[in-house]
Amino acid sequence: MILYTIMPYEHIYPEDAQASNMELISWNGIPLFAEREDNRYKVVRILSTDPAHYLNQQVAPGQFISL
């Protein structure tokens, strides 16, 4: 079956909310999805509309940050 849609994959096939340990956080005004690991967070996704936030290497996906 092929789906021709502009909807993101996550909206068509949502994950179980309890299986995911991602949290919506704000780091220096940048909204992020991050996974908590001990006392720090691992950046999963940037949710900003500002293109400059995507160029910031400190919040690139896979980086660890602390709040």
PDB file of N, CA and C in Angstrom:
ATOM      1  N   MET A   1       0.837  -1.168   0.000  1.00  0.00           N
ATOM      2  CA  MET A   1       0.000   0.000   0.000  1.00  0.00           C
ATOM      3  C   MET A   1       0.889   1.241   0.000  1.00  0.00           C
ATOM      4  N   ILE A   2       0.590   2.205  -0.820  1.00  0.00           N
ATOM      5  CA  ILE A   2       1.339   3.447  -0.917  1.00  0.00           C
ATOM      6  C   ILE A   2       0.433   4.593  -0.496  1.00  0.00           C
ATOM      7  N   LEU A   3       0.931   5.418   0.400  1.00  0.00           N
ATOM      8  CA  LEU A   3       0.185   6.593   0.850  1.00  0.00           C
ATOM      9  C   LEU A   3       0.805   7.830   0.235  1.00  0.00           C
ATOM     10  N   TYR A   4       0.035   8.551  -0.543  1.00  0.00           N
ATOM     11  CA  TYR A   4       0.486   9.810  -1.114  1.00  0.00           C
ATOM     12  C   TYR A   4      -0.088  10.921  -0.252  1.00  0.00           C
ATOM     13  N   THR A   5       0.708  11.419   0.659  1.00  0.00           N
ATOM     14  CA  THR A   5       0.229  12.419   1.597  1.00  0.00           C
ATOM     15  C   THR A   5       1.355  13.353   2.005  1.00  0.00           C
ATOM     16  N   ILE A   6       0.982  14.544   2.437  1.00  0.00           N
ATOM     17  CA  ILE A   6       1.978  15.480   2.959  1.00  0.00           C
ATOM     18  C   ILE A   6       2.057  15.399   4.482  1.00  0.00           C
ATOM     19  N   MET A   7       1.244  14.559   5.077  1.00  0.00           N
ATOM     20  CA  MET A   7       1.246  14.404   6.530  1.00  0.00           C
ATOM     21  C   MET A   7       2.514  13.691   6.977  1.00  0.00           C
ATOM     22  N   PRO A   8       3.119  14.122   8.093  1.00  0.00           N
ATOM     23  CA  PRO A   8       4.302  13.442   8.601  1.00  0.00           C
ATOM     24  C   PRO A   8       3.980  12.002   9.015  1.00  0.00           C
ATOM     25  N   TYR A   9       4.978  11.169   8.943  1.00  0.00           N
ATOM     26  CA  TYR A   9       4.843   9.759   9.290  1.00  0.00           C
ATOM     27  C   TYR A   9       4.273   9.587  10.703  1.00  0.00           C
ATOM     28  N   GLU A  10       4.713  10.452  11.636  1.00  0.00           N
ATOM     29  CA  GLU A  10       4.283  10.343  13.030  1.00  0.00           C
ATOM     30  C   GLU A  10       2.779  10.558  13.196  1.00  0.00           C
ATOM     31  N   HIS A  11       2.166  11.341  12.300  1.00  0.00           N
ATOM     32  CA  HIS A  11       0.727  11.591  12.397  1.00  0.00           C
ATOM     33  C   HIS A  11      -0.081  10.417  11.846  1.00  0.00           C
ATOM     34  N   ILE A  12       0.460   9.718  10.900  1.00  0.00           N
ATOM     35  CA  ILE A  12      -0.250   8.582  10.311  1.00  0.00           C
ATOM     36  C   ILE A  12      -0.094   7.344  11.187  1.00  0.00           C
ATOM     37  N   TYR A  13       1.125   7.117  11.673  1.00  0.00           N
ATOM     38  CA  TYR A  13       1.418   5.970  12.530  1.00  0.00           C
ATOM     39  C   TYR A  13       1.980   6.475  13.850  1.00  0.00           C
ATOM     40  N   PRO A  14       1.120   6.921  14.770  1.00  0.00           N
ATOM     41  CA  PRO A  14       1.626   7.465  16.034  1.00  0.00           C
ATOM     42  C   PRO A  14       2.253   6.386  16.906  1.00  0.00           C
ATOM     43  N   GLU A  15       3.316   6.782  17.610  1.00  0.00           N
ATOM     44  CA  GLU A  15       3.973   5.883  18.546  1.00  0.00           C
ATOM     45  C   GLU A  15       3.192   5.830  19.849  1.00  0.00           C
ATOM     46  N   ASP A  16       3.428   4.786  20.599  1.00  0.00           N
ATOM     47  CA  ASP A  16       2.843   4.682  21.921  1.00  0.00           C
ATOM     48  C   ASP A  16       3.486   5.741  22.810  1.00  0.00           C
ATOM     49  N   ALA A  17       2.690   6.563  23.461  1.00  0.00           N
ATOM     50  CA  ALA A  17       3.216   7.667  24.261  1.00  0.00           C
ATOM     51  C   ALA A  17       4.059   7.169  25.421  1.00  0.00           C
ATOM     52  N   GLN A  18       3.757   6.006  25.965  1.00  0.00           N
ATOM     53  CA  GLN A  18       4.515   5.507  27.090  1.00  0.00           C
ATOM     54  C   GLN A  18       5.825   4.870  26.658  1.00  0.00           C
ATOM     55  N   ALA A  19       5.928   4.415  25.430  1.00  0.00           N
ATOM     56  CA  ALA A  19       7.158   3.794  24.950  1.00  0.00           C
ATOM     57  C   ALA A  19       8.234   4.844  24.694  1.00  0.00           C
ATOM     58  N   SER A  20       7.829   6.063  24.441  1.00  0.00           N
ATOM     59  CA  SER A  20       8.779   7.134  24.159  1.00  0.00           C
ATOM     60  C   SER A  20       9.052   7.917  25.434  1.00  0.00           C
ATOM     61  N   ASN A  21      10.310   8.204  25.699  1.00  0.00           N
ATOM     62  CA  ASN A  21      10.650   8.981  26.888  1.00  0.00           C
ATOM     63  C   ASN A  21      11.109  10.386  26.505  1.00  0.00           C
ATOM     64  N   MET A  22      10.624  10.891  25.360  1.00  0.00           N
ATOM     65  CA  MET A  22      10.981  12.234  24.921  1.00  0.00           C
ATOM     66  C   MET A  22      10.163  13.269  25.675  1.00  0.00           C
ATOM     67  N   GLU A  23      10.804  14.393  25.925  1.00  0.00           N
ATOM     68  CA  GLU A  23      10.148  15.503  26.606  1.00  0.00           C
ATOM     69  C   GLU A  23      10.310  16.761  25.775  1.00  0.00           C
ATOM     70  N   LEU A  24       9.330  17.629  25.833  1.00  0.00           N
ATOM     71  CA  LEU A  24       9.417  18.928  25.191  1.00  0.00           C
ATOM     72  C   LEU A  24      10.048  19.880  26.188  1.00  0.00           C
ATOM     73  N   ILE A  25      11.233  20.399  25.857  1.00  0.00           N
ATOM     74  CA  ILE A  25      11.946  21.302  26.758  1.00  0.00           C
ATOM     75  C   ILE A  25      12.297  22.575  26.004  1.00  0.00           C
ATOM     76  N   SER A  26      12.697  23.580  26.741  1.00  0.00           N
ATOM     77  CA  SER A  26      13.168  24.829  26.152  1.00  0.00           C
ATOM     78  C   SER A  26      14.571  25.085  26.679  1.00  0.00           C
ATOM     79  N   TRP A  27      15.533  25.237  25.787  1.00  0.00           N
ATOM     80  CA  TRP A  27      16.923  25.504  26.144  1.00  0.00           C
ATOM     81  C   TRP A  27      17.318  26.826  25.517  1.00  0.00           C
ATOM     82  N   ASN A  28      17.593  27.838  26.332  1.00  0.00           N
ATOM     83  CA  ASN A  28      17.923  29.190  25.864  1.00  0.00           C
ATOM     84  C   ASN A  28      16.899  29.712  24.858  1.00  0.00           C
ATOM     85  N   GLY A  29      15.629  29.414  25.086  1.00  0.00           N
ATOM     86  CA  GLY A  29      14.559  29.889  24.224  1.00  0.00           C
ATOM     87  C   GLY A  29      14.338  29.053  22.981  1.00  0.00           C
ATOM     88  N   ILE A  30      15.041  27.938  22.851  1.00  0.00           N
ATOM     89  CA  ILE A  30      14.895  27.059  21.688  1.00  0.00           C
ATOM     90  C   ILE A  30      14.054  25.852  22.098  1.00  0.00           C
ATOM     91  N   PRO A  31      12.874  25.655  21.500  1.00  0.00           N
ATOM     92  CA  PRO A  31      12.066  24.481  21.852  1.00  0.00           C
ATOM     93  C   PRO A  31      12.665  23.215  21.235  1.00  0.00           C
ATOM     94  N   LEU A  32      12.794  22.180  22.062  1.00  0.00           N
ATOM     95  CA  LEU A  32      13.435  20.936  21.638  1.00  0.00           C
ATOM     96  C   LEU A  32      12.659  19.723  22.132  1.00  0.00           C
ATOM     97  N   PHE A  33      12.733  18.627  21.391  1.00  0.00           N
ATOM     98  CA  PHE A  33      12.360  17.318  21.899  1.00  0.00           C
ATOM     99  C   PHE A  33      13.652  16.668  22.340  1.00  0.00           C
ATOM    100  N   ALA A  34      13.686  16.178  23.571  1.00  0.00           N
ATOM    101  CA  ALA A  34      14.905  15.597  24.099  1.00  0.00           C
ATOM    102  C   ALA A  34      14.575  14.381  24.960  1.00  0.00           C
ATOM    103  N   GLU A  35      15.542  13.468  25.046  1.00  0.00           N
ATOM    104  CA  GLU A  35      15.418  12.285  25.900  1.00  0.00           C
ATOM    105  C   GLU A  35      16.268  12.504  27.136  1.00  0.00           C
ATOM    106  N   ARG A  36      15.681  12.244  28.300  1.00  0.00           N
ATOM    107  CA  ARG A  36      16.417  12.413  29.547  1.00  0.00           C
ATOM    108  C   ARG A  36      17.331  11.215  29.782  1.00  0.00           C
ATOM    109  N   GLU A  37      18.592  11.510  30.080  1.00  0.00           N
ATOM    110  CA  GLU A  37      19.578  10.488  30.437  1.00  0.00           C
ATOM    111  C   GLU A  37      20.345  11.003  31.641  1.00  0.00           C
ATOM    112  N   ASP A  38      20.097  10.416  32.790  1.00  0.00           N
ATOM    113  CA  ASP A  38      20.693  10.844  34.058  1.00  0.00           C
ATOM    114  C   ASP A  38      20.368  12.310  34.325  1.00  0.00           C
ATOM    115  N   ASN A  39      21.383  13.174  34.428  1.00  0.00           N
ATOM    116  CA  ASN A  39      21.154  14.590  34.738  1.00  0.00           C
ATOM    117  C   ASN A  39      21.269  15.475  33.505  1.00  0.00           C
ATOM    118  N   ARG A  40      21.186  14.895  32.334  1.00  0.00           N
ATOM    119  CA  ARG A  40      21.298  15.680  31.114  1.00  0.00           C
ATOM    120  C   ARG A  40      20.290  15.194  30.087  1.00  0.00           C
ATOM    121  N   TYR A  41      20.174  15.919  29.004  1.00  0.00           N
ATOM    122  CA  TYR A  41      19.230  15.588  27.939  1.00  0.00           C
ATOM    123  C   TYR A  41      19.969  15.367  26.630  1.00  0.00           C
ATOM    124  N   LYS A  42      19.495  14.419  25.849  1.00  0.00           N
ATOM    125  CA  LYS A  42      20.020  14.189  24.507  1.00  0.00           C
ATOM    126  C   LYS A  42      19.014  14.774  23.523  1.00  0.00           C
ATOM    127  N   VAL A  43      19.461  15.708  22.685  1.00  0.00           N
ATOM    128  CA  VAL A  43      18.587  16.389  21.731  1.00  0.00           C
ATOM    129  C   VAL A  43      18.152  15.405  20.648  1.00  0.00           C
ATOM    130  N   VAL A  44      16.839  15.323  20.420  1.00  0.00           N
ATOM    131  CA  VAL A  44      16.288  14.457  19.386  1.00  0.00           C
ATOM    132  C   VAL A  44      15.815  15.282  18.199  1.00  0.00           C
ATOM    133  N   ARG A  45      15.158  16.413  18.489  1.00  0.00           N
ATOM    134  CA  ARG A  45      14.563  17.204  17.413  1.00  0.00           C
ATOM    135  C   ARG A  45      14.445  18.660  17.831  1.00  0.00           C
ATOM    136  N   ILE A  46      14.693  19.576  16.901  1.00  0.00           N
ATOM    137  CA  ILE A  46      14.524  21.004  17.136  1.00  0.00           C
ATOM    138  C   ILE A  46      13.147  21.396  16.601  1.00  0.00           C
ATOM    139  N   LEU A  47      12.390  22.131  17.392  1.00  0.00           N
ATOM    140  CA  LEU A  47      11.029  22.501  17.012  1.00  0.00           C
ATOM    141  C   LEU A  47      10.875  23.992  16.742  1.00  0.00           C
ATOM    142  N   SER A  48      11.943  24.674  16.425  1.00  0.00           N
ATOM    143  CA  SER A  48      11.918  26.119  16.234  1.00  0.00           C
ATOM    144  C   SER A  48      11.607  26.488  14.792  1.00  0.00           C
ATOM    145  N   THR A  49      11.077  27.695  14.608  1.00  0.00           N
ATOM    146  CA  THR A  49      10.859  28.221  13.259  1.00  0.00           C
ATOM    147  C   THR A  49      11.971  29.186  12.856  1.00  0.00           C
ATOM    148  N   ASP A  50      12.913  29.434  13.749  1.00  0.00           N
ATOM    149  CA  ASP A  50      14.033  30.327  13.471  1.00  0.00           C
ATOM    150  C   ASP A  50      15.168  29.534  12.820  1.00  0.00           C
ATOM    151  N   PRO A  51      15.546  29.844  11.576  1.00  0.00           N
ATOM    152  CA  PRO A  51      16.608  29.094  10.903  1.00  0.00           C
ATOM    153  C   PRO A  51      17.954  29.155  11.622  1.00  0.00           C
ATOM    154  N   ALA A  52      18.203  30.208  12.378  1.00  0.00           N
ATOM    155  CA  ALA A  52      19.476  30.326  13.097  1.00  0.00           C
ATOM    156  C   ALA A  52      19.612  29.247  14.170  1.00  0.00           C
ATOM    157  N   HIS A  53      18.506  28.781  14.736  1.00  0.00           N
ATOM    158  CA  HIS A  53      18.572  27.736  15.762  1.00  0.00           C
ATOM    159  C   HIS A  53      19.086  26.420  15.194  1.00  0.00           C
ATOM    160  N   TYR A  54      18.818  26.161  13.918  1.00  0.00           N
ATOM    161  CA  TYR A  54      19.275  24.922  13.293  1.00  0.00           C
ATOM    162  C   TYR A  54      20.772  24.945  13.006  1.00  0.00           C
ATOM    163  N   LEU A  55      21.379  26.129  13.001  1.00  0.00           N
ATOM    164  CA  LEU A  55      22.816  26.249  12.774  1.00  0.00           C
ATOM    165  C   LEU A  55      23.612  26.192  14.073  1.00  0.00           C
ATOM    166  N   ASN A  56      22.932  26.214  15.199  1.00  0.00           N
ATOM    167  CA  ASN A  56      23.586  26.167  16.507  1.00  0.00           C
ATOM    168  C   ASN A  56      24.046  24.731  16.781  1.00  0.00           C
ATOM    169  N   GLN A  57      25.354  24.513  16.810  1.00  0.00           N
ATOM    170  CA  GLN A  57      25.909  23.169  16.999  1.00  0.00           C
ATOM    171  C   GLN A  57      25.664  22.616  18.407  1.00  0.00           C
ATOM    172  N   GLN A  58      25.374  23.482  19.380  1.00  0.00           N
ATOM    173  CA  GLN A  58      25.131  23.022  20.743  1.00  0.00           C
ATOM    174  C   GLN A  58      23.821  22.260  20.876  1.00  0.00           C
ATOM    175  N   VAL A  59      22.865  22.513  19.969  1.00  0.00           N
ATOM    176  CA  VAL A  59      21.566  21.833  20.047  1.00  0.00           C
ATOM    177  C   VAL A  59      21.317  20.957  18.833  1.00  0.00           C
ATOM    178  N   ALA A  60      22.350  20.558  18.155  1.00  0.00           N
ATOM    179  CA  ALA A  60      22.191  19.648  17.011  1.00  0.00           C
ATOM    180  C   ALA A  60      21.707  18.291  17.529  1.00  0.00           C
ATOM    181  N   PRO A  61      20.856  17.597  16.782  1.00  0.00           N
ATOM    182  CA  PRO A  61      20.402  16.286  17.237  1.00  0.00           C
ATOM    183  C   PRO A  61      21.574  15.357  17.542  1.00  0.00           C
ATOM    184  N   GLY A  62      21.469  14.718  18.713  1.00  0.00           N
ATOM    185  CA  GLY A  62      22.524  13.828  19.182  1.00  0.00           C
ATOM    186  C   GLY A  62      23.412  14.465  20.235  1.00  0.00           C
ATOM    187  N   GLN A  63      23.372  15.794  20.366  1.00  0.00           N
ATOM    188  CA  GLN A  63      24.175  16.489  21.366  1.00  0.00           C
ATOM    189  C   GLN A  63      23.533  16.359  22.735  1.00  0.00           C
ATOM    190  N   PHE A  64      24.355  16.408  23.770  1.00  0.00           N
ATOM    191  CA  PHE A  64      23.880  16.370  25.144  1.00  0.00           C
ATOM    192  C   PHE A  64      23.909  17.768  25.718  1.00  0.00           C
ATOM    193  N   ILE A  65      22.814  18.143  26.409  1.00  0.00           N
ATOM    194  CA  ILE A  65      22.724  19.452  27.052  1.00  0.00           C
ATOM    195  C   ILE A  65      22.246  19.250  28.486  1.00  0.00           C
ATOM    196  N   SER A  66      22.481  20.259  29.312  1.00  0.00           N
ATOM    197  CA  SER A  66      21.956  20.219  30.681  1.00  0.00           C
ATOM    198  C   SER A  66      21.132  21.478  30.904  1.00  0.00           C
ATOM    199  N   LEU A  67      20.126  21.363  31.740  1.00  0.00           N
ATOM    200  CA  LEU A  67      19.247  22.515  31.986  1.00  0.00           C
ATOM    201  C   LEU A  67      19.676  23.257  33.218  1.00  0.00           C
TER     202      LEU A  67
END
